[in-house]
Amino acid sequence: MKAERLLVFHKHYFTEFYIAQSRKVQEKIEYVFKILRTVDKVPKKFLDHITGTNDLYEIRVEVGSNIFRIFCCFDKGNLVILFNGFQKKSQKTPRQEIALAERLKKEYFEQKKKI
């Protein structure tokens, strides 16, 4: 069975991150998104749960020696909600990036309740 996930951008953070990237990085992001949309069991190489968070995941994109991360979570059905993205410069994920993603996730679900 083929997965059919829908990627949803929450606010402007991901779009701004995406636009700022080179064409090559954008193409790789699109490639990883295609895997996310269509593959049932997405390999950890492309998607992994962030330890110590409440169901926050990172989409992993590598272009040459550059590493990029896009935070997301899953919603009912096959929705993947995209939050902020950044270029990873060290082994540890910056705490402020995780904090922003957690805040955006909370905001997303609060807004959804109101609808």
C-alpha atoms as a PDB file:
ATOM      1  CA  MET A   1       0.000   0.000   0.000  1.00  0.00           C
ATOM      2  CA  LYS A   2       1.251   3.443  -0.934  1.00  0.00           C
ATOM      3  CA  ALA A   3       1.202   6.231   1.648  1.00  0.00           C
ATOM      4  CA  GLU A   4      -0.423   9.472   0.584  1.00  0.00           C
ATOM      5  CA  ARG A   5       0.542  12.128   3.065  1.00  0.00           C
ATOM      6  CA  LEU A   6      -0.332  15.781   2.668  1.00  0.00           C
ATOM      7  CA  LEU A   7       2.281  18.349   3.672  1.00  0.00           C
ATOM      8  CA  VAL A   8       0.873  21.499   5.272  1.00  0.00           C
ATOM      9  CA  PHE A   9       2.908  24.624   6.042  1.00  0.00           C
ATOM     10  CA  HIS A  10       2.080  26.257   9.379  1.00  0.00           C
ATOM     11  CA  LYS A  11       2.693  30.003   9.129  1.00  0.00           C
ATOM     12  CA  HIS A  12       5.616  31.420   7.129  1.00  0.00           C
ATOM     13  CA  TYR A  13       8.699  29.887   8.770  1.00  0.00           C
ATOM     14  CA  PHE A  14       9.261  26.980   6.410  1.00  0.00           C
ATOM     15  CA  THR A  15       8.524  29.043   3.282  1.00  0.00           C
ATOM     16  CA  GLU A  16      11.044  31.706   4.291  1.00  0.00           C
ATOM     17  CA  PHE A  17      13.651  29.038   5.024  1.00  0.00           C
ATOM     18  CA  TYR A  18      12.979  27.309   1.672  1.00  0.00           C
ATOM     19  CA  ILE A  19      13.172  30.497  -0.413  1.00  0.00           C
ATOM     20  CA  ALA A  20      16.548  31.380   1.157  1.00  0.00           C
ATOM     21  CA  GLN A  21      18.124  28.078   0.001  1.00  0.00           C
ATOM     22  CA  SER A  22      20.034  27.394  -3.207  1.00  0.00           C
ATOM     23  CA  ARG A  23      18.303  25.627  -6.105  1.00  0.00           C
ATOM     24  CA  LYS A  24      20.230  22.431  -5.279  1.00  0.00           C
ATOM     25  CA  VAL A  25      19.050  22.449  -1.649  1.00  0.00           C
ATOM     26  CA  GLN A  26      15.467  23.177  -2.762  1.00  0.00           C
ATOM     27  CA  GLU A  27      15.595  20.199  -5.149  1.00  0.00           C
ATOM     28  CA  LYS A  28      16.815  17.903  -2.367  1.00  0.00           C
ATOM     29  CA  ILE A  29      14.066  19.168  -0.039  1.00  0.00           C
ATOM     30  CA  GLU A  30      11.514  18.368  -2.775  1.00  0.00           C
ATOM     31  CA  TYR A  31      13.024  14.882  -3.154  1.00  0.00           C
ATOM     32  CA  VAL A  32      12.747  14.199   0.595  1.00  0.00           C
ATOM     33  CA  PHE A  33       9.179  15.596   0.596  1.00  0.00           C
ATOM     34  CA  LYS A  34       8.272  13.164  -2.194  1.00  0.00           C
ATOM     35  CA  ILE A  35       9.542  10.278  -0.030  1.00  0.00           C
ATOM     36  CA  LEU A  36       7.586  11.640   2.935  1.00  0.00           C
ATOM     37  CA  ARG A  37       4.409  11.888   0.837  1.00  0.00           C
ATOM     38  CA  THR A  38       4.610   8.461  -0.759  1.00  0.00           C
ATOM     39  CA  VAL A  39       6.646   5.964   1.300  1.00  0.00           C
ATOM     40  CA  ASP A  40       4.828   4.031   4.053  1.00  0.00           C
ATOM     41  CA  LYS A  41       7.807   3.549   6.360  1.00  0.00           C
ATOM     42  CA  VAL A  42      10.054   6.570   5.867  1.00  0.00           C
ATOM     43  CA  PRO A  43      13.710   5.681   6.642  1.00  0.00           C
ATOM     44  CA  LYS A  44      15.309   7.357   9.687  1.00  0.00           C
ATOM     45  CA  LYS A  45      17.796   8.904   7.295  1.00  0.00           C
ATOM     46  CA  PHE A  46      14.977  11.240   6.162  1.00  0.00           C
ATOM     47  CA  LEU A  47      12.665  11.455   9.194  1.00  0.00           C
ATOM     48  CA  ASP A  48      13.309  10.933  12.887  1.00  0.00           C
ATOM     49  CA  HIS A  49      11.575  11.643  16.199  1.00  0.00           C
ATOM     50  CA  ILE A  50      13.317  14.282  18.285  1.00  0.00           C
ATOM     51  CA  THR A  51      14.209  12.794  21.652  1.00  0.00           C
ATOM     52  CA  GLY A  52      12.765  14.638  24.623  1.00  0.00           C
ATOM     53  CA  THR A  53       9.882  16.204  22.685  1.00  0.00           C
ATOM     54  CA  ASN A  54       6.174  15.511  22.518  1.00  0.00           C
ATOM     55  CA  ASP A  55       5.806  13.966  19.034  1.00  0.00           C
ATOM     56  CA  LEU A  56       8.037  16.454  17.236  1.00  0.00           C
ATOM     57  CA  TYR A  57       9.954  15.106  14.238  1.00  0.00           C
ATOM     58  CA  GLU A  58      12.770  16.369  12.067  1.00  0.00           C
ATOM     59  CA  ILE A  59      12.902  15.951   8.319  1.00  0.00           C
ATOM     60  CA  ARG A  60      16.548  15.391   7.430  1.00  0.00           C
ATOM     61  CA  VAL A  61      18.067  16.819   4.264  1.00  0.00           C
ATOM     62  CA  GLU A  62      21.723  16.500   3.298  1.00  0.00           C
ATOM     63  CA  VAL A  63      23.340  18.251   0.353  1.00  0.00           C
ATOM     64  CA  GLY A  64      27.053  17.568   0.107  1.00  0.00           C
ATOM     65  CA  SER A  65      28.480  18.301   3.546  1.00  0.00           C
ATOM     66  CA  ASN A  66      25.573  20.603   4.461  1.00  0.00           C
ATOM     67  CA  ILE A  67      22.856  19.313   6.758  1.00  0.00           C
ATOM     68  CA  PHE A  68      19.399  20.836   6.994  1.00  0.00           C
ATOM     69  CA  ARG A  69      16.522  20.088   9.359  1.00  0.00           C
ATOM     70  CA  ILE A  70      12.828  20.860   9.027  1.00  0.00           C
ATOM     71  CA  PHE A  71      10.643  20.335  12.075  1.00  0.00           C
ATOM     72  CA  CYS A  72       7.218  18.785  11.710  1.00  0.00           C
ATOM     73  CA  CYS A  73       4.523  16.784  13.443  1.00  0.00           C
ATOM     74  CA  PHE A  74       1.733  14.503  12.325  1.00  0.00           C
ATOM     75  CA  ASP A  75      -1.955  15.286  12.547  1.00  0.00           C
ATOM     76  CA  LYS A  76      -5.028  13.120  12.033  1.00  0.00           C
ATOM     77  CA  GLY A  77      -5.272  11.298   8.767  1.00  0.00           C
ATOM     78  CA  ASN A  78      -2.102  11.677   6.798  1.00  0.00           C
ATOM     79  CA  LEU A  79      -1.313  15.315   7.524  1.00  0.00           C
ATOM     80  CA  VAL A  80       2.301  16.348   8.057  1.00  0.00           C
ATOM     81  CA  ILE A  81       2.497  19.842   9.536  1.00  0.00           C
ATOM     82  CA  LEU A  82       5.739  21.674   8.672  1.00  0.00           C
ATOM     83  CA  PHE A  83       7.207  24.255  11.018  1.00  0.00           C
ATOM     84  CA  ASN A  84      10.658  25.877  10.952  1.00  0.00           C
ATOM     85  CA  GLY A  85      13.775  24.800   9.083  1.00  0.00           C
ATOM     86  CA  PHE A  86      17.451  25.585   9.581  1.00  0.00           C
ATOM     87  CA  GLN A  87      20.947  24.591   8.519  1.00  0.00           C
ATOM     88  CA  LYS A  88      22.620  22.401  11.104  1.00  0.00           C
ATOM     89  CA  LYS A  89      26.138  23.544  11.930  1.00  0.00           C
ATOM     90  CA  SER A  90      27.003  21.162  14.788  1.00  0.00           C
ATOM     91  CA  GLN A  91      26.073  17.742  16.189  1.00  0.00           C
ATOM     92  CA  LYS A  92      23.533  19.166  18.610  1.00  0.00           C
ATOM     93  CA  THR A  93      20.277  20.644  17.382  1.00  0.00           C
ATOM     94  CA  PRO A  94      20.019  24.234  18.680  1.00  0.00           C
ATOM     95  CA  ARG A  95      17.654  24.371  21.655  1.00  0.00           C
ATOM     96  CA  GLN A  96      16.038  27.598  20.390  1.00  0.00           C
ATOM     97  CA  GLU A  97      15.064  25.895  17.098  1.00  0.00           C
ATOM     98  CA  ILE A  98      13.371  23.049  19.005  1.00  0.00           C
ATOM     99  CA  ALA A  99      11.657  25.578  21.296  1.00  0.00           C
ATOM    100  CA  LEU A 100      10.326  27.474  18.260  1.00  0.00           C
ATOM    101  CA  ALA A 101       9.025  24.254  16.696  1.00  0.00           C
ATOM    102  CA  GLU A 102       7.320  23.249  19.944  1.00  0.00           C
ATOM    103  CA  ARG A 103       5.695  26.680  20.212  1.00  0.00           C
ATOM    104  CA  LEU A 104       4.490  26.485  16.576  1.00  0.00           C
ATOM    105  CA  LYS A 105       3.115  22.986  17.125  1.00  0.00           C
ATOM    106  CA  LYS A 106       1.169  24.132  20.190  1.00  0.00           C
ATOM    107  CA  GLU A 107      -0.112  27.149  18.245  1.00  0.00           C
ATOM    108  CA  TYR A 108      -1.190  24.949  15.319  1.00  0.00           C
ATOM    109  CA  PHE A 109      -3.292  22.642  17.512  1.00  0.00           C
ATOM    110  CA  GLU A 110      -4.784  25.581  19.462  1.00  0.00           C
ATOM    111  CA  GLN A 111      -5.833  27.277  16.200  1.00  0.00           C
ATOM    112  CA  LYS A 112      -7.267  23.998  14.937  1.00  0.00           C
ATOM    113  CA  LYS A 113      -9.448  23.659  18.054  1.00  0.00           C
ATOM    114  CA  LYS A 114     -10.965  27.091  17.387  1.00  0.00           C
ATOM    115  CA  ILE A 115     -12.041  26.127  13.862  1.00  0.00           C
END
